[in-house]
Amino acid sequence: MKKNIRSLLAPALLLGCLHLSASADEALARARTCLACHQVDRKVVGPSFKAIGARYAGRKDMVEPLAKKIREGGGGVWGPVPMPANPRVSEADAKKLAVWILEFK
């Protein structure tokens, strides 16, 4: 009986941790005002996080360039509206956000 409970509890704990991680990164995006221009599943001013993740699916080499774009801004990739720089976002937070965004497909 204990073995059955453990085998059911382990996946539930894992899913809970994954959800907590996703929630934490969404909270970071909210705290850094990313959600003013981006949403997970729809275009606002900038592309959705899902569109960004889909464009760079499977490209782990995009973490650094995306983190740099989050901090320094840029333009021309998603249309005529440039992304403003976000110098108040630390390099570590920019990398966390980039990894989180790239998980969307």
N, C-alpha and C. Protein backbone atom coordinates (compact mmCIF):
# COMPACT_ATOMS: atom_id res chain seq x y z
N MET A 1 0.82 -1.20 0.00
CA MET A 1 0.00 0.00 0.00
C MET A 1 0.86 1.26 0.00
N LYS A 2 1.94 1.26 0.85
CA LYS A 2 2.83 2.43 0.90
C LYS A 2 3.52 2.66 -0.44
N LYS A 3 3.88 1.56 -1.09
CA LYS A 3 4.54 1.68 -2.39
C LYS A 3 3.61 2.32 -3.41
N ASN A 4 2.34 1.97 -3.40
CA ASN A 4 1.36 2.55 -4.32
C ASN A 4 1.18 4.03 -4.06
N ILE A 5 1.12 4.41 -2.80
CA ILE A 5 0.97 5.83 -2.45
C ILE A 5 2.19 6.61 -2.91
N ARG A 6 3.37 6.04 -2.68
CA ARG A 6 4.60 6.72 -3.13
C ARG A 6 4.64 6.87 -4.64
N SER A 7 4.21 5.83 -5.36
CA SER A 7 4.25 5.91 -6.82
C SER A 7 3.25 6.92 -7.36
N LEU A 8 2.20 7.19 -6.62
CA LEU A 8 1.24 8.22 -7.02
C LEU A 8 1.68 9.60 -6.56
N LEU A 9 2.34 9.66 -5.44
CA LEU A 9 2.74 10.94 -4.86
C LEU A 9 3.90 11.58 -5.62
N ALA A 10 4.84 10.79 -6.08
CA ALA A 10 6.01 11.33 -6.77
C ALA A 10 5.64 12.15 -8.01
N PRO A 11 4.82 11.62 -8.93
CA PRO A 11 4.44 12.44 -10.09
C PRO A 11 3.66 13.69 -9.70
N ALA A 12 2.82 13.58 -8.68
CA ALA A 12 2.05 14.75 -8.24
C ALA A 12 2.99 15.83 -7.72
N LEU A 13 3.99 15.44 -6.96
CA LEU A 13 4.96 16.42 -6.46
C LEU A 13 5.75 17.04 -7.60
N LEU A 14 6.14 16.24 -8.57
CA LEU A 14 6.87 16.75 -9.72
C LEU A 14 6.04 17.77 -10.49
N LEU A 15 4.79 17.44 -10.75
CA LEU A 15 3.91 18.38 -11.46
C LEU A 15 3.71 19.66 -10.66
N GLY A 16 3.60 19.52 -9.36
CA GLY A 16 3.46 20.70 -8.50
C GLY A 16 4.69 21.59 -8.59
N CYS A 17 5.86 20.99 -8.61
CA CYS A 17 7.10 21.77 -8.72
C CYS A 17 7.20 22.46 -10.07
N LEU A 18 6.81 21.77 -11.15
CA LEU A 18 6.85 22.37 -12.48
C LEU A 18 5.89 23.55 -12.55
N HIS A 19 4.69 23.40 -11.98
CA HIS A 19 3.73 24.48 -11.99
C HIS A 19 4.25 25.66 -11.18
N LEU A 20 4.87 25.38 -10.03
CA LEU A 20 5.43 26.44 -9.19
C LEU A 20 6.51 27.19 -9.95
N SER A 21 7.36 26.47 -10.70
CA SER A 21 8.41 27.11 -11.48
C SER A 21 7.81 28.01 -12.56
N ALA A 22 6.82 27.51 -13.26
CA ALA A 22 6.17 28.32 -14.30
C ALA A 22 5.52 29.54 -13.68
N SER A 23 4.87 29.36 -12.55
CA SER A 23 4.23 30.49 -11.87
C SER A 23 5.25 31.50 -11.42
N ALA A 24 6.40 31.01 -10.93
CA ALA A 24 7.45 31.91 -10.46
C ALA A 24 7.99 32.75 -11.61
N ASP A 25 8.18 32.14 -12.78
CA ASP A 25 8.70 32.89 -13.92
C ASP A 25 7.66 33.84 -14.49
N GLU A 26 6.41 33.46 -14.42
CA GLU A 26 5.37 34.39 -14.84
C GLU A 26 5.30 35.57 -13.86
N ALA A 27 5.51 35.28 -12.60
CA ALA A 27 5.54 36.35 -11.59
C ALA A 27 6.73 37.28 -11.85
N LEU A 28 7.85 36.72 -12.28
CA LEU A 28 9.01 37.54 -12.61
C LEU A 28 8.70 38.41 -13.83
N ALA A 29 8.05 37.84 -14.83
CA ALA A 29 7.67 38.62 -16.01
C ALA A 29 6.72 39.76 -15.63
N ARG A 30 5.82 39.48 -14.70
CA ARG A 30 4.89 40.50 -14.23
C ARG A 30 5.64 41.59 -13.46
N ALA A 31 6.55 41.16 -12.59
CA ALA A 31 7.31 42.12 -11.77
C ALA A 31 8.21 43.02 -12.62
N ARG A 32 8.69 42.50 -13.74
CA ARG A 32 9.59 43.28 -14.61
C ARG A 32 8.81 43.98 -15.72
N THR A 33 7.52 44.03 -15.61
CA THR A 33 6.58 44.69 -16.53
C THR A 33 6.61 44.15 -17.96
N CYS A 34 7.06 42.93 -18.15
CA CYS A 34 7.03 42.32 -19.48
C CYS A 34 5.60 42.19 -19.99
N LEU A 35 4.68 41.93 -19.05
CA LEU A 35 3.29 41.67 -19.44
C LEU A 35 2.56 42.93 -19.89
N ALA A 36 3.20 44.07 -19.80
CA ALA A 36 2.60 45.29 -20.34
C ALA A 36 2.56 45.24 -21.87
N CYS A 37 3.52 44.55 -22.46
CA CYS A 37 3.61 44.48 -23.93
C CYS A 37 3.47 43.06 -24.48
N HIS A 38 3.64 42.05 -23.64
CA HIS A 38 3.60 40.66 -24.08
C HIS A 38 2.64 39.87 -23.20
N GLN A 39 1.99 38.87 -23.79
CA GLN A 39 1.18 37.92 -23.05
C GLN A 39 1.63 36.52 -23.46
N VAL A 40 1.26 35.53 -22.69
CA VAL A 40 1.67 34.17 -22.99
C VAL A 40 1.13 33.71 -24.34
N ASP A 41 -0.15 33.94 -24.57
CA ASP A 41 -0.77 33.32 -25.76
C ASP A 41 -1.40 34.28 -26.75
N ARG A 42 -1.14 35.57 -26.62
CA ARG A 42 -1.67 36.50 -27.63
C ARG A 42 -0.75 37.71 -27.78
N LYS A 43 -0.75 38.25 -28.97
CA LYS A 43 0.04 39.44 -29.29
C LYS A 43 -0.62 40.65 -28.63
N VAL A 44 0.18 41.49 -28.03
CA VAL A 44 -0.32 42.77 -27.49
C VAL A 44 0.43 43.83 -28.28
N VAL A 45 1.43 44.44 -27.72
CA VAL A 45 2.30 45.34 -28.48
C VAL A 45 3.38 44.52 -29.17
N GLY A 46 3.95 43.60 -28.41
CA GLY A 46 4.96 42.69 -28.94
C GLY A 46 4.36 41.31 -29.12
N PRO A 47 5.14 40.38 -29.65
CA PRO A 47 4.64 39.02 -29.90
C PRO A 47 4.34 38.29 -28.59
N SER A 48 3.51 37.26 -28.69
CA SER A 48 3.24 36.44 -27.51
C SER A 48 4.48 35.62 -27.17
N PHE A 49 4.56 35.20 -25.92
CA PHE A 49 5.68 34.35 -25.51
C PHE A 49 5.64 33.02 -26.26
N LYS A 50 4.43 32.53 -26.56
CA LYS A 50 4.31 31.28 -27.33
C LYS A 50 4.86 31.45 -28.74
N ALA A 51 4.63 32.61 -29.36
CA ALA A 51 5.15 32.85 -30.71
C ALA A 51 6.67 32.91 -30.70
N ILE A 52 7.22 33.53 -29.67
CA ILE A 52 8.68 33.61 -29.55
C ILE A 52 9.25 32.22 -29.35
N GLY A 53 8.64 31.46 -28.44
CA GLY A 53 9.11 30.10 -28.18
C GLY A 53 9.02 29.22 -29.42
N ALA A 54 7.94 29.38 -30.18
CA ALA A 54 7.77 28.59 -31.40
C ALA A 54 8.81 28.95 -32.46
N ARG A 55 9.10 30.23 -32.59
CA ARG A 55 10.07 30.65 -33.61
C ARG A 55 11.45 30.07 -33.32
N TYR A 56 11.80 29.98 -32.05
CA TYR A 56 13.14 29.51 -31.68
C TYR A 56 13.11 28.11 -31.06
N ALA A 57 12.08 27.32 -31.34
CA ALA A 57 11.94 25.98 -30.77
C ALA A 57 13.18 25.14 -31.00
N GLY A 58 13.65 24.52 -29.94
CA GLY A 58 14.80 23.63 -30.03
C GLY A 58 16.14 24.34 -30.12
N ARG A 59 16.15 25.66 -30.05
CA ARG A 59 17.40 26.42 -30.20
C ARG A 59 17.88 26.92 -28.84
N LYS A 60 18.59 26.05 -28.13
CA LYS A 60 19.12 26.42 -26.81
C LYS A 60 20.13 27.55 -26.92
N ASP A 61 20.67 27.77 -28.13
CA ASP A 61 21.64 28.84 -28.33
C ASP A 61 20.99 30.22 -28.30
N MET A 62 19.66 30.27 -28.18
CA MET A 62 18.96 31.55 -28.19
C MET A 62 18.78 32.15 -26.79
N VAL A 63 19.17 31.44 -25.74
CA VAL A 63 19.01 31.98 -24.38
C VAL A 63 19.78 33.29 -24.24
N GLU A 64 21.04 33.29 -24.60
CA GLU A 64 21.87 34.50 -24.45
C GLU A 64 21.37 35.66 -25.32
N PRO A 65 21.14 35.44 -26.63
CA PRO A 65 20.65 36.55 -27.45
C PRO A 65 19.29 37.09 -26.98
N LEU A 66 18.40 36.21 -26.54
CA LEU A 66 17.11 36.67 -26.07
C LEU A 66 17.25 37.44 -24.75
N ALA A 67 18.09 36.95 -23.86
CA ALA A 67 18.35 37.67 -22.60
C ALA A 67 18.93 39.05 -22.88
N LYS A 68 19.82 39.12 -23.86
CA LYS A 68 20.40 40.41 -24.24
C LYS A 68 19.32 41.35 -24.78
N LYS A 69 18.43 40.82 -25.62
CA LYS A 69 17.35 41.64 -26.19
C LYS A 69 16.41 42.12 -25.08
N ILE A 70 16.15 41.28 -24.08
CA ILE A 70 15.31 41.68 -22.97
C ILE A 70 15.92 42.88 -22.26
N ARG A 71 17.22 42.86 -22.05
CA ARG A 71 17.89 43.94 -21.33
C ARG A 71 18.15 45.17 -22.20
N GLU A 72 18.56 44.96 -23.44
CA GLU A 72 19.01 46.08 -24.28
C GLU A 72 17.96 46.56 -25.28
N GLY A 73 16.90 45.78 -25.46
CA GLY A 73 15.88 46.16 -26.44
C GLY A 73 16.33 45.79 -27.84
N GLY A 74 15.54 46.18 -28.82
CA GLY A 74 15.87 45.88 -30.21
C GLY A 74 14.68 46.13 -31.10
N GLY A 75 14.85 45.82 -32.36
CA GLY A 75 13.75 46.05 -33.30
C GLY A 75 13.98 45.35 -34.60
N GLY A 76 12.91 45.31 -35.41
CA GLY A 76 13.02 44.77 -36.75
C GLY A 76 12.77 43.29 -36.87
N VAL A 77 12.73 42.56 -35.76
CA VAL A 77 12.55 41.11 -35.83
C VAL A 77 11.07 40.75 -35.91
N TRP A 78 10.22 41.48 -35.19
CA TRP A 78 8.80 41.15 -35.10
C TRP A 78 7.91 42.23 -35.69
N GLY A 79 8.48 43.17 -36.38
CA GLY A 79 7.67 44.23 -36.96
C GLY A 79 8.27 45.60 -36.68
N PRO A 80 7.53 46.66 -36.99
CA PRO A 80 8.09 48.01 -36.91
C PRO A 80 8.22 48.59 -35.50
N VAL A 81 7.51 48.03 -34.51
CA VAL A 81 7.56 48.60 -33.16
C VAL A 81 8.79 48.03 -32.43
N PRO A 82 9.75 48.90 -32.07
CA PRO A 82 10.94 48.40 -31.37
C PRO A 82 10.63 48.04 -29.92
N MET A 83 11.39 47.10 -29.40
CA MET A 83 11.28 46.75 -27.99
C MET A 83 12.21 47.66 -27.22
N PRO A 84 11.69 48.36 -26.21
CA PRO A 84 12.57 49.25 -25.44
C PRO A 84 13.52 48.47 -24.55
N ALA A 85 14.61 49.10 -24.20
CA ALA A 85 15.59 48.50 -23.29
C ALA A 85 14.98 48.38 -21.90
N ASN A 86 15.42 47.38 -21.16
CA ASN A 86 14.97 47.15 -19.79
C ASN A 86 16.19 47.01 -18.89
N PRO A 87 16.95 48.08 -18.68
CA PRO A 87 18.20 47.98 -17.92
C PRO A 87 17.99 47.62 -16.45
N ARG A 88 16.76 47.77 -15.94
CA ARG A 88 16.52 47.40 -14.54
C ARG A 88 16.37 45.89 -14.35
N VAL A 89 16.28 45.15 -15.45
CA VAL A 89 16.24 43.69 -15.38
C VAL A 89 17.69 43.20 -15.29
N SER A 90 18.00 42.46 -14.24
CA SER A 90 19.37 41.95 -14.08
C SER A 90 19.67 40.91 -15.15
N GLU A 91 20.95 40.64 -15.34
CA GLU A 91 21.33 39.61 -16.31
C GLU A 91 20.77 38.25 -15.91
N ALA A 92 20.80 37.95 -14.62
CA ALA A 92 20.28 36.66 -14.13
C ALA A 92 18.78 36.56 -14.40
N ASP A 93 18.04 37.63 -14.11
CA ASP A 93 16.60 37.61 -14.36
C ASP A 93 16.29 37.54 -15.86
N ALA A 94 17.07 38.22 -16.67
CA ALA A 94 16.87 38.17 -18.11
C ALA A 94 17.08 36.74 -18.63
N LYS A 95 18.06 36.04 -18.10
CA LYS A 95 18.29 34.65 -18.51
C LYS A 95 17.15 33.75 -18.05
N LYS A 96 16.65 33.96 -16.83
CA LYS A 96 15.51 33.18 -16.34
C LYS A 96 14.31 33.39 -17.25
N LEU A 97 14.06 34.64 -17.60
CA LEU A 97 12.93 34.95 -18.48
C LEU A 97 13.12 34.33 -19.86
N ALA A 98 14.33 34.40 -20.39
CA ALA A 98 14.61 33.83 -21.71
C ALA A 98 14.38 32.32 -21.71
N VAL A 99 14.86 31.63 -20.69
CA VAL A 99 14.67 30.18 -20.60
C VAL A 99 13.18 29.87 -20.51
N TRP A 100 12.45 30.63 -19.69
CA TRP A 100 11.01 30.43 -19.54
C TRP A 100 10.28 30.64 -20.87
N ILE A 101 10.59 31.72 -21.57
CA ILE A 101 9.94 32.01 -22.85
C ILE A 101 10.23 30.92 -23.87
N LEU A 102 11.46 30.44 -23.90
CA LEU A 102 11.85 29.43 -24.88
C LEU A 102 11.21 28.07 -24.60
N GLU A 103 10.63 27.89 -23.41
CA GLU A 103 9.93 26.63 -23.10
C GLU A 103 8.58 26.56 -23.80
N PHE A 104 8.04 27.71 -24.22
CA PHE A 104 6.76 27.72 -24.93
C PHE A 104 6.97 27.25 -26.36
N LYS A 105 5.98 26.55 -26.89
CA LYS A 105 6.08 26.08 -28.27
C LYS A 105 4.80 26.31 -29.00
